[in-house]
Amino acid sequence: LFYAVGHWNSFLTAMIYLPSAELQPLQLFLMKMLIQDADASML
């Protein structure tokens, strides 16, 4: 449970070490949406 929650919520590691969008996790995708505008492809 501890490890799974940590992995599911992790975005900082991906933000620093994963520049490729196809490798990035959901939490980084969510962070970009909350800080920036919603993904333009949805609209």
PDB file of all heavy atoms in Angstrom:
ATOM      1  N   LEU A   1       0.828  -1.207   0.000  1.00  0.00           N
ATOM      2  CA  LEU A   1       0.000   0.000   0.000  1.00  0.00           C
ATOM      3  C   LEU A   1       0.862   1.256   0.000  1.00  0.00           C
ATOM      4  O   LEU A   1       0.631   2.184  -0.782  1.00  0.00           O
ATOM      5  CB  LEU A   1      -0.931  -0.008   1.213  1.00  0.00           C
ATOM      6  CG  LEU A   1      -1.933   1.151   1.280  1.00  0.00           C
ATOM      7  CD1 LEU A   1      -2.839   1.141   0.061  1.00  0.00           C
ATOM      8  CD2 LEU A   1      -2.760   1.076   2.552  1.00  0.00           C
ATOM      9  N   PHE A   2       1.862   1.297   0.853  1.00  0.00           N
ATOM     10  CA  PHE A   2       2.756   2.458   0.899  1.00  0.00           C
ATOM     11  C   PHE A   2       3.423   2.696  -0.448  1.00  0.00           C
ATOM     12  O   PHE A   2       3.440   3.805  -0.986  1.00  0.00           O
ATOM     13  CB  PHE A   2       3.824   2.274   1.977  1.00  0.00           C
ATOM     14  CG  PHE A   2       3.439   2.819   3.317  1.00  0.00           C
ATOM     15  CD1 PHE A   2       3.296   1.980   4.420  1.00  0.00           C
ATOM     16  CD2 PHE A   2       3.229   4.177   3.486  1.00  0.00           C
ATOM     17  CE1 PHE A   2       2.942   2.490   5.656  1.00  0.00           C
ATOM     18  CE2 PHE A   2       2.882   4.688   4.726  1.00  0.00           C
ATOM     19  CZ  PHE A   2       2.740   3.849   5.814  1.00  0.00           C
ATOM     20  N   TYR A   3       4.000   1.634  -1.002  1.00  0.00           N
ATOM     21  CA  TYR A   3       4.722   1.762  -2.261  1.00  0.00           C
ATOM     22  C   TYR A   3       3.776   2.085  -3.418  1.00  0.00           C
ATOM     23  O   TYR A   3       4.092   2.913  -4.283  1.00  0.00           O
ATOM     24  CB  TYR A   3       5.496   0.485  -2.565  1.00  0.00           C
ATOM     25  CG  TYR A   3       6.779   0.329  -1.783  1.00  0.00           C
ATOM     26  CD1 TYR A   3       7.021  -0.800  -1.012  1.00  0.00           C
ATOM     27  CD2 TYR A   3       7.771   1.306  -1.829  1.00  0.00           C
ATOM     28  CE1 TYR A   3       8.207  -0.956  -0.304  1.00  0.00           C
ATOM     29  CE2 TYR A   3       8.957   1.164  -1.118  1.00  0.00           C
ATOM     30  CZ  TYR A   3       9.164   0.027  -0.364  1.00  0.00           C
ATOM     31  OH  TYR A   3      10.343  -0.106   0.339  1.00  0.00           O
ATOM     32  N   ALA A   4       2.623   1.417  -3.459  1.00  0.00           N
ATOM     33  CA  ALA A   4       1.692   1.644  -4.568  1.00  0.00           C
ATOM     34  C   ALA A   4       1.175   3.077  -4.574  1.00  0.00           C
ATOM     35  O   ALA A   4       1.094   3.716  -5.636  1.00  0.00           O
ATOM     36  CB  ALA A   4       0.525   0.655  -4.479  1.00  0.00           C
ATOM     37  N   VAL A   5       0.816   3.599  -3.403  1.00  0.00           N
ATOM     38  CA  VAL A   5       0.355   4.985  -3.326  1.00  0.00           C
ATOM     39  C   VAL A   5       1.464   5.941  -3.762  1.00  0.00           C
ATOM     40  O   VAL A   5       1.218   6.920  -4.480  1.00  0.00           O
ATOM     41  CB  VAL A   5      -0.132   5.322  -1.901  1.00  0.00           C
ATOM     42  CG1 VAL A   5      -0.397   6.810  -1.750  1.00  0.00           C
ATOM     43  CG2 VAL A   5      -1.391   4.527  -1.577  1.00  0.00           C
ATOM     44  N   GLY A   6       2.693   5.647  -3.350  1.00  0.00           N
ATOM     45  CA  GLY A   6       3.810   6.489  -3.752  1.00  0.00           C
ATOM     46  C   GLY A   6       4.012   6.502  -5.258  1.00  0.00           C
ATOM     47  O   GLY A   6       4.217   7.560  -5.860  1.00  0.00           O
ATOM     48  N   HIS A   7       3.951   5.324  -5.875  1.00  0.00           N
ATOM     49  CA  HIS A   7       4.111   5.253  -7.331  1.00  0.00           C
ATOM     50  C   HIS A   7       2.947   5.929  -8.052  1.00  0.00           C
ATOM     51  O   HIS A   7       3.148   6.624  -9.052  1.00  0.00           O
ATOM     52  CB  HIS A   7       4.210   3.789  -7.774  1.00  0.00           C
ATOM     53  CG  HIS A   7       5.547   3.173  -7.534  1.00  0.00           C
ATOM     54  ND1 HIS A   7       6.683   3.558  -8.216  1.00  0.00           N
ATOM     55  CD2 HIS A   7       5.951   2.195  -6.688  1.00  0.00           C
ATOM     56  CE1 HIS A   7       7.714   2.844  -7.813  1.00  0.00           C
ATOM     57  NE2 HIS A   7       7.299   2.013  -6.866  1.00  0.00           N
ATOM     58  N   TRP A   8       1.744   5.706  -7.555  1.00  0.00           N
ATOM     59  CA  TRP A   8       0.568   6.267  -8.240  1.00  0.00           C
ATOM     60  C   TRP A   8       0.584   7.795  -8.195  1.00  0.00           C
ATOM     61  O   TRP A   8       0.183   8.448  -9.158  1.00  0.00           O
ATOM     62  CB  TRP A   8      -0.714   5.737  -7.598  1.00  0.00           C
ATOM     63  CG  TRP A   8      -1.934   6.097  -8.399  1.00  0.00           C
ATOM     64  CD1 TRP A   8      -2.711   7.202  -8.273  1.00  0.00           C
ATOM     65  CD2 TRP A   8      -2.496   5.338  -9.470  1.00  0.00           C
ATOM     66  NE1 TRP A   8      -3.730   7.193  -9.187  1.00  0.00           N
ATOM     67  CE2 TRP A   8      -3.619   6.057  -9.944  1.00  0.00           C
ATOM     68  CE3 TRP A   8      -2.167   4.118 -10.077  1.00  0.00           C
ATOM     69  CZ2 TRP A   8      -4.403   5.594 -10.992  1.00  0.00           C
ATOM     70  CZ3 TRP A   8      -2.956   3.665 -11.120  1.00  0.00           C
ATOM     71  CH2 TRP A   8      -4.059   4.392 -11.566  1.00  0.00           C
ATOM     72  N   ASN A   9       1.053   8.356  -7.104  1.00  0.00           N
ATOM     73  CA  ASN A   9       1.048   9.815  -6.952  1.00  0.00           C
ATOM     74  C   ASN A   9       2.330  10.487  -7.430  1.00  0.00           C
ATOM     75  O   ASN A   9       2.431  11.715  -7.394  1.00  0.00           O
ATOM     76  CB  ASN A   9       0.812  10.186  -5.483  1.00  0.00           C
ATOM     77  CG  ASN A   9      -0.580   9.832  -5.015  1.00  0.00           C
ATOM     78  OD1 ASN A   9      -1.522   9.839  -5.800  1.00  0.00           O
ATOM     79  ND2 ASN A   9      -0.721   9.509  -3.740  1.00  0.00           N
ATOM     80  N   SER A  10       3.304   9.709  -7.875  1.00  0.00           N
ATOM     81  CA  SER A  10       4.597  10.274  -8.241  1.00  0.00           C
ATOM     82  C   SER A  10       4.519  11.081  -9.535  1.00  0.00           C
ATOM     83  O   SER A  10       3.976  10.617 -10.534  1.00  0.00           O
ATOM     84  CB  SER A  10       5.625   9.153  -8.392  1.00  0.00           C
ATOM     85  OG  SER A  10       6.863   9.657  -8.838  1.00  0.00           O
ATOM     86  N   PHE A  11       5.056  12.287  -9.498  1.00  0.00           N
ATOM     87  CA  PHE A  11       5.159  13.095 -10.717  1.00  0.00           C
ATOM     88  C   PHE A  11       6.503  13.820 -10.804  1.00  0.00           C
ATOM     89  O   PHE A  11       6.968  14.140 -11.895  1.00  0.00           O
ATOM     90  CB  PHE A  11       4.029  14.128 -10.785  1.00  0.00           C
ATOM     91  CG  PHE A  11       4.167  15.265  -9.812  1.00  0.00           C
ATOM     92  CD1 PHE A  11       4.819  16.437 -10.180  1.00  0.00           C
ATOM     93  CD2 PHE A  11       3.665  15.173  -8.521  1.00  0.00           C
ATOM     94  CE1 PHE A  11       4.967  17.480  -9.287  1.00  0.00           C
ATOM     95  CE2 PHE A  11       3.798  16.211  -7.633  1.00  0.00           C
ATOM     96  CZ  PHE A  11       4.458  17.374  -8.014  1.00  0.00           C
ATOM     97  N   LEU A  12       7.156  14.075  -9.645  1.00  0.00           N
ATOM     98  CA  LEU A  12       8.399  14.837  -9.656  1.00  0.00           C
ATOM     99  C   LEU A  12       9.509  14.086 -10.390  1.00  0.00           C
ATOM    100  O   LEU A  12      10.247  14.678 -11.195  1.00  0.00           O
ATOM    101  CB  LEU A  12       8.833  15.161  -8.228  1.00  0.00           C
ATOM    102  CG  LEU A  12      10.098  16.029  -8.093  1.00  0.00           C
ATOM    103  CD1 LEU A  12       9.884  17.388  -8.765  1.00  0.00           C
ATOM    104  CD2 LEU A  12      10.459  16.216  -6.631  1.00  0.00           C
ATOM    105  N   THR A  13       9.630  12.794 -10.129  1.00  0.00           N
ATOM    106  CA  THR A  13      10.654  11.998 -10.816  1.00  0.00           C
ATOM    107  C   THR A  13      10.446  12.030 -12.316  1.00  0.00           C
ATOM    108  O   THR A  13      11.398  12.209 -13.093  1.00  0.00           O
ATOM    109  CB  THR A  13      10.624  10.543 -10.310  1.00  0.00           C
ATOM    110  OG1 THR A  13      10.852  10.520  -8.907  1.00  0.00           O
ATOM    111  CG2 THR A  13      11.685   9.702 -11.012  1.00  0.00           C
ATOM    112  N   ALA A  14       9.200  11.865 -12.754  1.00  0.00           N
ATOM    113  CA  ALA A  14       8.901  11.895 -14.187  1.00  0.00           C
ATOM    114  C   ALA A  14       9.157  13.279 -14.774  1.00  0.00           C
ATOM    115  O   ALA A  14       9.642  13.405 -15.901  1.00  0.00           O
ATOM    116  CB  ALA A  14       7.452  11.475 -14.425  1.00  0.00           C
ATOM    117  N   MET A  15       8.836  14.319 -14.022  1.00  0.00           N
ATOM    118  CA  MET A  15       9.031  15.678 -14.513  1.00  0.00           C
ATOM    119  C   MET A  15      10.517  15.977 -14.734  1.00  0.00           C
ATOM    120  O   MET A  15      10.880  16.707 -15.659  1.00  0.00           O
ATOM    121  CB  MET A  15       8.435  16.675 -13.518  1.00  0.00           C
ATOM    122  CG  MET A  15       8.471  18.118 -13.984  1.00  0.00           C
ATOM    123  SD  MET A  15       7.541  19.214 -12.879  1.00  0.00           S
ATOM    124  CE  MET A  15       8.495  19.059 -11.369  1.00  0.00           C
ATOM    125  N   ILE A  16      11.380  15.400 -13.904  1.00  0.00           N
ATOM    126  CA  ILE A  16      12.815  15.666 -14.005  1.00  0.00           C
ATOM    127  C   ILE A  16      13.491  14.758 -15.028  1.00  0.00           C
ATOM    128  O   ILE A  16      14.328  15.207 -15.819  1.00  0.00           O
ATOM    129  CB  ILE A  16      13.479  15.489 -12.630  1.00  0.00           C
ATOM    130  CG1 ILE A  16      12.915  16.503 -11.634  1.00  0.00           C
ATOM    131  CG2 ILE A  16      14.999  15.638 -12.733  1.00  0.00           C
ATOM    132  CD1 ILE A  16      13.390  16.283 -10.216  1.00  0.00           C
ATOM    133  N   TYR A  17      13.115  13.475 -15.035  1.00  0.00           N
ATOM    134  CA  TYR A  17      13.884  12.489 -15.793  1.00  0.00           C
ATOM    135  C   TYR A  17      13.182  11.941 -17.032  1.00  0.00           C
ATOM    136  O   TYR A  17      13.795  11.157 -17.766  1.00  0.00           O
ATOM    137  CB  TYR A  17      14.242  11.310 -14.883  1.00  0.00           C
ATOM    138  CG  TYR A  17      15.033  11.688 -13.660  1.00  0.00           C
ATOM    139  CD1 TYR A  17      14.537  11.456 -12.384  1.00  0.00           C
ATOM    140  CD2 TYR A  17      16.293  12.274 -13.774  1.00  0.00           C
ATOM    141  CE1 TYR A  17      15.259  11.795 -11.251  1.00  0.00           C
ATOM    142  CE2 TYR A  17      17.025  12.622 -12.652  1.00  0.00           C
ATOM    143  CZ  TYR A  17      16.506  12.381 -11.393  1.00  0.00           C
ATOM    144  OH  TYR A  17      17.230  12.720 -10.282  1.00  0.00           O
ATOM    145  N   LEU A  18      11.914  12.282 -17.266  1.00  0.00           N
ATOM    146  CA  LEU A  18      11.191  11.731 -18.418  1.00  0.00           C
ATOM    147  C   LEU A  18      10.668  12.859 -19.312  1.00  0.00           C
ATOM    148  O   LEU A  18       9.504  13.257 -19.209  1.00  0.00           O
ATOM    149  CB  LEU A  18      10.018  10.856 -17.949  1.00  0.00           C
ATOM    150  CG  LEU A  18      10.345   9.516 -17.302  1.00  0.00           C
ATOM    151  CD1 LEU A  18       9.075   8.783 -16.911  1.00  0.00           C
ATOM    152  CD2 LEU A  18      11.193   8.646 -18.230  1.00  0.00           C
ATOM    153  N   PRO A  19      11.492  13.380 -20.216  1.00  0.00           N
ATOM    154  CA  PRO A  19      11.008  14.432 -21.114  1.00  0.00           C
ATOM    155  C   PRO A  19      10.057  13.925 -22.195  1.00  0.00           C
ATOM    156  O   PRO A  19       9.268  14.703 -22.736  1.00  0.00           O
ATOM    157  CB  PRO A  19      12.309  14.974 -21.736  1.00  0.00           C
ATOM    158  CG  PRO A  19      13.277  13.848 -21.639  1.00  0.00           C
ATOM    159  CD  PRO A  19      12.936  13.116 -20.380  1.00  0.00           C
ATOM    160  N   SER A  20      10.110  12.638 -22.516  1.00  0.00           N
ATOM    161  CA  SER A  20       9.251  12.078 -23.564  1.00  0.00           C
ATOM    162  C   SER A  20       7.827  11.915 -23.048  1.00  0.00           C
ATOM    163  O   SER A  20       7.598  11.228 -22.042  1.00  0.00           O
ATOM    164  CB  SER A  20       9.792  10.729 -24.043  1.00  0.00           C
ATOM    165  OG  SER A  20      11.096  10.872 -24.583  1.00  0.00           O
ATOM    166  N   ALA A  21       6.860  12.530 -23.755  1.00  0.00           N
ATOM    167  CA  ALA A  21       5.463  12.503 -23.309  1.00  0.00           C
ATOM    168  C   ALA A  21       4.901  11.092 -23.278  1.00  0.00           C
ATOM    169  O   ALA A  21       4.053  10.773 -22.430  1.00  0.00           O
ATOM    170  CB  ALA A  21       4.609  13.387 -24.218  1.00  0.00           C
ATOM    171  N   GLU A  22       5.375  10.217 -24.168  1.00  0.00           N
ATOM    172  CA  GLU A  22       4.814   8.861 -24.233  1.00  0.00           C
ATOM    173  C   GLU A  22       5.259   8.001 -23.054  1.00  0.00           C
ATOM    174  O   GLU A  22       4.742   6.901 -22.861  1.00  0.00           O
ATOM    175  CB  GLU A  22       5.197   8.182 -25.542  1.00  0.00           C
ATOM    176  CG  GLU A  22       6.683   7.930 -25.734  1.00  0.00           C
ATOM    177  CD  GLU A  22       7.401   9.107 -26.383  1.00  0.00           C
ATOM    178  OE1 GLU A  22       6.803  10.199 -26.468  1.00  0.00           O
ATOM    179  OE2 GLU A  22       8.567   8.924 -26.816  1.00  0.00           O
ATOM    180  N   LEU A  23       6.197   8.481 -22.247  1.00  0.00           N
ATOM    181  CA  LEU A  23       6.660   7.737 -21.074  1.00  0.00           C
ATOM    182  C   LEU A  23       6.134   8.315 -19.765  1.00  0.00           C
ATOM    183  O   LEU A  23       6.320   7.711 -18.706  1.00  0.00           O
ATOM    184  CB  LEU A  23       8.194   7.713 -21.020  1.00  0.00           C
ATOM    185  CG  LEU A  23       8.935   7.109 -22.213  1.00  0.00           C
ATOM    186  CD1 LEU A  23      10.439   7.198 -21.986  1.00  0.00           C
ATOM    187  CD2 LEU A  23       8.519   5.662 -22.444  1.00  0.00           C
ATOM    188  N   GLN A  24       5.481   9.445 -19.822  1.00  0.00           N
ATOM    189  CA  GLN A  24       5.090  10.160 -18.602  1.00  0.00           C
ATOM    190  C   GLN A  24       3.825   9.570 -17.978  1.00  0.00           C
ATOM    191  O   GLN A  24       2.937   9.124 -18.680  1.00  0.00           O
ATOM    192  CB  GLN A  24       4.886  11.636 -18.924  1.00  0.00           C
ATOM    193  CG  GLN A  24       6.164  12.350 -19.322  1.00  0.00           C
ATOM    194  CD  GLN A  24       5.940  13.778 -19.778  1.00  0.00           C
ATOM    195  OE1 GLN A  24       4.807  14.230 -19.920  1.00  0.00           O
ATOM    196  NE2 GLN A  24       7.037  14.496 -20.021  1.00  0.00           N
ATOM    197  N   PRO A  25       3.748   9.572 -16.644  1.00  0.00           N
ATOM    198  CA  PRO A  25       2.591   8.990 -15.945  1.00  0.00           C
ATOM    199  C   PRO A  25       1.408   9.946 -15.885  1.00  0.00           C
ATOM    200  O   PRO A  25       1.496  11.116 -16.266  1.00  0.00           O
ATOM    201  CB  PRO A  25       3.145   8.722 -14.540  1.00  0.00           C
ATOM    202  CG  PRO A  25       4.169   9.795 -14.354  1.00  0.00           C
ATOM    203  CD  PRO A  25       4.790  10.017 -15.705  1.00  0.00           C
ATOM    204  N   LEU A  26       0.319   9.431 -15.365  1.00  0.00           N
ATOM    205  CA  LEU A  26      -0.930  10.182 -15.316  1.00  0.00           C
ATOM    206  C   LEU A  26      -0.826  11.415 -14.432  1.00  0.00           C
ATOM    207  O   LEU A  26      -1.407  12.463 -14.738  1.00  0.00           O
ATOM    208  CB  LEU A  26      -2.049   9.260 -14.805  1.00  0.00           C
ATOM    209  CG  LEU A  26      -3.456   9.849 -14.750  1.00  0.00           C
ATOM    210  CD1 LEU A  26      -3.963  10.166 -16.160  1.00  0.00           C
ATOM    211  CD2 LEU A  26      -4.408   8.883 -14.053  1.00  0.00           C
ATOM    212  N   GLN A  27      -0.110  11.331 -13.316  1.00  0.00           N
ATOM    213  CA  GLN A  27      -0.042  12.465 -12.393  1.00  0.00           C
ATOM    214  C   GLN A  27       0.669  13.657 -13.025  1.00  0.00           C
ATOM    215  O   GLN A  27       0.317  14.811 -12.741  1.00  0.00           O
ATOM    216  CB  GLN A  27       0.666  12.047 -11.102  1.00  0.00           C
ATOM    217  CG  GLN A  27      -0.040  10.953 -10.327  1.00  0.00           C
ATOM    218  CD  GLN A  27      -1.439  11.335  -9.896  1.00  0.00           C
ATOM    219  OE1 GLN A  27      -1.745  12.504  -9.728  1.00  0.00           O
ATOM    220  NE2 GLN A  27      -2.304  10.349  -9.722  1.00  0.00           N
ATOM    221  N   LEU A  28       1.655  13.414 -13.872  1.00  0.00           N
ATOM    222  CA  LEU A  28       2.315  14.513 -14.571  1.00  0.00           C
ATOM    223  C   LEU A  28       1.383  15.115 -15.607  1.00  0.00           C
ATOM    224  O   LEU A  28       1.359  16.338 -15.805  1.00  0.00           O
ATOM    225  CB  LEU A  28       3.607  14.018 -15.233  1.00  0.00           C
ATOM    226  CG  LEU A  28       4.483  15.083 -15.881  1.00  0.00           C
ATOM    227  CD1 LEU A  28       4.864  16.171 -14.876  1.00  0.00           C
ATOM    228  CD2 LEU A  28       5.747  14.459 -16.476  1.00  0.00           C
ATOM    229  N   PHE A  29       0.615  14.267 -16.272  1.00  0.00           N
ATOM    230  CA  PHE A  29      -0.407  14.738 -17.215  1.00  0.00           C
ATOM    231  C   PHE A  29      -1.423  15.617 -16.481  1.00  0.00           C
ATOM    232  O   PHE A  29      -1.820  16.684 -16.965  1.00  0.00           O
ATOM    233  CB  PHE A  29      -1.097  13.535 -17.854  1.00  0.00           C
ATOM    234  CG  PHE A  29      -2.029  13.869 -18.983  1.00  0.00           C
ATOM    235  CD1 PHE A  29      -1.584  13.885 -20.291  1.00  0.00           C
ATOM    236  CD2 PHE A  29      -3.362  14.163 -18.740  1.00  0.00           C
ATOM    237  CE1 PHE A  29      -2.437  14.190 -21.346  1.00  0.00           C
ATOM    238  CE2 PHE A  29      -4.228  14.472 -19.781  1.00  0.00           C
ATOM    239  CZ  PHE A  29      -3.764  14.484 -21.078  1.00  0.00           C
ATOM    240  N   LEU A  30      -1.847  15.176 -15.291  1.00  0.00           N
ATOM    241  CA  LEU A  30      -2.796  15.937 -14.487  1.00  0.00           C
ATOM    242  C   LEU A  30      -2.195  17.263 -14.044  1.00  0.00           C
ATOM    243  O   LEU A  30      -2.866  18.304 -14.088  1.00  0.00           O
ATOM    244  CB  LEU A  30      -3.215  15.114 -13.266  1.00  0.00           C
ATOM    245  CG  LEU A  30      -4.064  15.810 -12.201  1.00  0.00           C
ATOM    246  CD1 LEU A  30      -5.393  16.269 -12.787  1.00  0.00           C
ATOM    247  CD2 LEU A  30      -4.298  14.893 -11.013  1.00  0.00           C
ATOM    248  N   MET A  31      -0.937  17.248 -13.610  1.00  0.00           N
ATOM    249  CA  MET A  31      -0.304  18.480 -13.162  1.00  0.00           C
ATOM    250  C   MET A  31      -0.254  19.517 -14.275  1.00  0.00           C
ATOM    251  O   MET A  31      -0.509  20.703 -14.060  1.00  0.00           O
ATOM    252  CB  MET A  31       1.119  18.176 -12.671  1.00  0.00           C
ATOM    253  CG  MET A  31       1.824  19.360 -12.038  1.00  0.00           C
ATOM    254  SD  MET A  31       3.620  19.234 -12.067  1.00  0.00           S
ATOM    255  CE  MET A  31       3.944  19.497 -13.807  1.00  0.00           C
ATOM    256  N   LYS A  32       0.080  19.089 -15.483  1.00  0.00           N
ATOM    257  CA  LYS A  32       0.125  20.002 -16.616  1.00  0.00           C
ATOM    258  C   LYS A  32      -1.252  20.600 -16.898  1.00  0.00           C
ATOM    259  O   LYS A  32      -1.382  21.782 -17.232  1.00  0.00           O
ATOM    260  CB  LYS A  32       0.649  19.281 -17.858  1.00  0.00           C
ATOM    261  CG  LYS A  32       2.113  18.888 -17.774  1.00  0.00           C
ATOM    262  CD  LYS A  32       2.540  18.167 -19.033  1.00  0.00           C
ATOM    263  CE  LYS A  32       4.010  17.791 -18.990  1.00  0.00           C
ATOM    264  NZ  LYS A  32       4.438  17.050 -20.210  1.00  0.00           N
ATOM    265  N   MET A  33      -2.288  19.778 -16.732  1.00  0.00           N
ATOM    266  CA  MET A  33      -3.645  20.263 -16.986  1.00  0.00           C
ATOM    267  C   MET A  33      -4.075  21.280 -15.937  1.00  0.00           C
ATOM    268  O   MET A  33      -4.760  22.255 -16.241  1.00  0.00           O
ATOM    269  CB  MET A  33      -4.636  19.095 -17.015  1.00  0.00           C
ATOM    270  CG  MET A  33      -4.532  18.218 -18.245  1.00  0.00           C
ATOM    271  SD  MET A  33      -5.892  17.040 -18.299  1.00  0.00           S
ATOM    272  CE  MET A  33      -7.280  18.147 -18.419  1.00  0.00           C
ATOM    273  N   LEU A  34      -3.693  21.056 -14.678  1.00  0.00           N
ATOM    274  CA  LEU A  34      -4.123  21.956 -13.607  1.00  0.00           C
ATOM    275  C   LEU A  34      -3.368  23.281 -13.639  1.00  0.00           C
ATOM    276  O   LEU A  34      -3.944  24.333 -13.340  1.00  0.00           O
ATOM    277  CB  LEU A  34      -3.922  21.279 -12.250  1.00  0.00           C
ATOM    278  CG  LEU A  34      -4.775  20.036 -11.990  1.00  0.00           C
ATOM    279  CD1 LEU A  34      -4.455  19.456 -10.621  1.00  0.00           C
ATOM    280  CD2 LEU A  34      -6.261  20.349 -12.098  1.00  0.00           C
ATOM    281  N   ILE A  35      -2.090  23.227 -13.982  1.00  0.00           N
ATOM    282  CA  ILE A  35      -1.290  24.450 -14.006  1.00  0.00           C
ATOM    283  C   ILE A  35      -1.488  25.211 -15.304  1.00  0.00           C
ATOM    284  O   ILE A  35      -1.608  26.436 -15.324  1.00  0.00           O
ATOM    285  CB  ILE A  35       0.199  24.113 -13.801  1.00  0.00           C
ATOM    286  CG1 ILE A  35       0.412  23.533 -12.400  1.00  0.00           C
ATOM    287  CG2 ILE A  35       1.074  25.356 -13.982  1.00  0.00           C
ATOM    288  CD1 ILE A  35       1.828  23.119 -12.116  1.00  0.00           C
ATOM    289  N   GLN A  36      -1.578  24.459 -16.416  1.00  0.00           N
ATOM    290  CA  GLN A  36      -1.790  25.076 -17.711  1.00  0.00           C
ATOM    291  C   GLN A  36      -3.256  24.943 -18.090  1.00  0.00           C
ATOM    292  O   GLN A  36      -4.096  24.583 -17.268  1.00  0.00           O
ATOM    293  CB  GLN A  36      -0.879  24.407 -18.752  1.00  0.00           C
ATOM    294  CG  GLN A  36       0.592  24.403 -18.341  1.00  0.00           C
ATOM    295  CD  GLN A  36       1.423  23.452 -19.183  1.00  0.00           C
ATOM    296  OE1 GLN A  36       0.931  22.855 -20.143  1.00  0.00           O
ATOM    297  NE2 GLN A  36       2.683  23.318 -18.825  1.00  0.00           N
ATOM    298  N   ASP A  37      -3.576  25.228 -19.331  1.00  0.00           N
ATOM    299  CA  ASP A  37      -4.932  25.011 -19.815  1.00  0.00           C
ATOM    300  C   ASP A  37      -5.144  23.535 -20.093  1.00  0.00           C
ATOM    301  O   ASP A  37      -4.193  22.761 -20.200  1.00  0.00           O
ATOM    302  CB  ASP A  37      -5.185  25.822 -21.095  1.00  0.00           C
ATOM    303  CG  ASP A  37      -5.224  27.317 -20.804  1.00  0.00           C
ATOM    304  OD1 ASP A  37      -5.607  27.674 -19.672  1.00  0.00           O
ATOM    305  OD2 ASP A  37      -4.849  28.103 -21.685  1.00  0.00           O
ATOM    306  N   ALA A  38      -6.394  23.143 -20.247  1.00  0.00           N
ATOM    307  CA  ALA A  38      -6.695  21.756 -20.569  1.00  0.00           C
ATOM    308  C   ALA A  38      -6.047  21.384 -21.892  1.00  0.00           C
ATOM    309  O   ALA A  38      -5.802  22.233 -22.752  1.00  0.00           O
ATOM    310  CB  ALA A  38      -8.207  21.549 -20.644  1.00  0.00           C
ATOM    311  N   ASP A  39      -5.774  20.107 -22.054  1.00  0.00           N
ATOM    312  CA  ASP A  39      -5.114  19.634 -23.263  1.00  0.00           C
ATOM    313  C   ASP A  39      -5.896  20.100 -24.488  1.00  0.00           C
ATOM    314  O   ASP A  39      -7.096  19.839 -24.622  1.00  0.00           O
ATOM    315  CB  ASP A  39      -5.051  18.102 -23.231  1.00  0.00           C
ATOM    316  CG  ASP A  39      -4.174  17.543 -24.336  1.00  0.00           C
ATOM    317  OD1 ASP A  39      -3.679  18.337 -25.149  1.00  0.00           O
ATOM    318  OD2 ASP A  39      -4.009  16.315 -24.376  1.00  0.00           O
ATOM    319  N   ALA A  40      -5.201  20.775 -25.394  1.00  0.00           N
ATOM    320  CA  ALA A  40      -5.869  21.349 -26.565  1.00  0.00           C
ATOM    321  C   ALA A  40      -6.519  20.279 -27.426  1.00  0.00           C
ATOM    322  O   ALA A  40      -7.529  20.536 -28.088  1.00  0.00           O
ATOM    323  CB  ALA A  40      -4.866  22.152 -27.392  1.00  0.00           C
ATOM    324  N   SER A  41      -5.966  19.055 -27.413  1.00  0.00           N
ATOM    325  CA  SER A  41      -6.542  17.994 -28.240  1.00  0.00           C
ATOM    326  C   SER A  41      -7.929  17.593 -27.773  1.00  0.00           C
ATOM    327  O   SER A  41      -8.697  17.008 -28.544  1.00  0.00           O
ATOM    328  CB  SER A  41      -5.623  16.774 -28.240  1.00  0.00           C
ATOM    329  OG  SER A  41      -5.466  16.259 -26.926  1.00  0.00           O
ATOM    330  N   MET A  42      -8.279  17.886 -26.507  1.00  0.00           N
ATOM    331  CA  MET A  42      -9.620  17.574 -26.019  1.00  0.00           C
ATOM    332  C   MET A  42     -10.652  18.584 -26.504  1.00  0.00           C
ATOM    333  O   MET A  42     -11.850  18.321 -26.458  1.00  0.00           O
ATOM    334  CB  MET A  42      -9.623  17.536 -24.485  1.00  0.00           C
ATOM    335  CG  MET A  42      -8.748  16.483 -23.858  1.00  0.00           C
ATOM    336  SD  MET A  42      -8.914  16.490 -22.050  1.00  0.00           S
ATOM    337  CE  MET A  42      -7.657  15.294 -21.603  1.00  0.00           C
ATOM    338  N   LEU A  43     -10.189  19.757 -26.917  1.00  0.00           N
ATOM    339  CA  LEU A  43     -11.105  20.848 -27.254  1.00  0.00           C
ATOM    340  C   LEU A  43     -10.985  21.294 -28.705  1.00  0.00           C
ATOM    341  O   LEU A  43     -11.562  22.308 -29.090  1.00  0.00           O
ATOM    342  CB  LEU A  43     -10.833  22.057 -26.338  1.00  0.00           C
ATOM    343  CG  LEU A  43     -10.813  21.779 -24.843  1.00  0.00           C
ATOM    344  CD1 LEU A  43     -10.353  23.010 -24.094  1.00  0.00           C
ATOM    345  CD2 LEU A  43     -12.175  21.331 -24.362  1.00  0.00           C
TER     346      LEU A  43
END
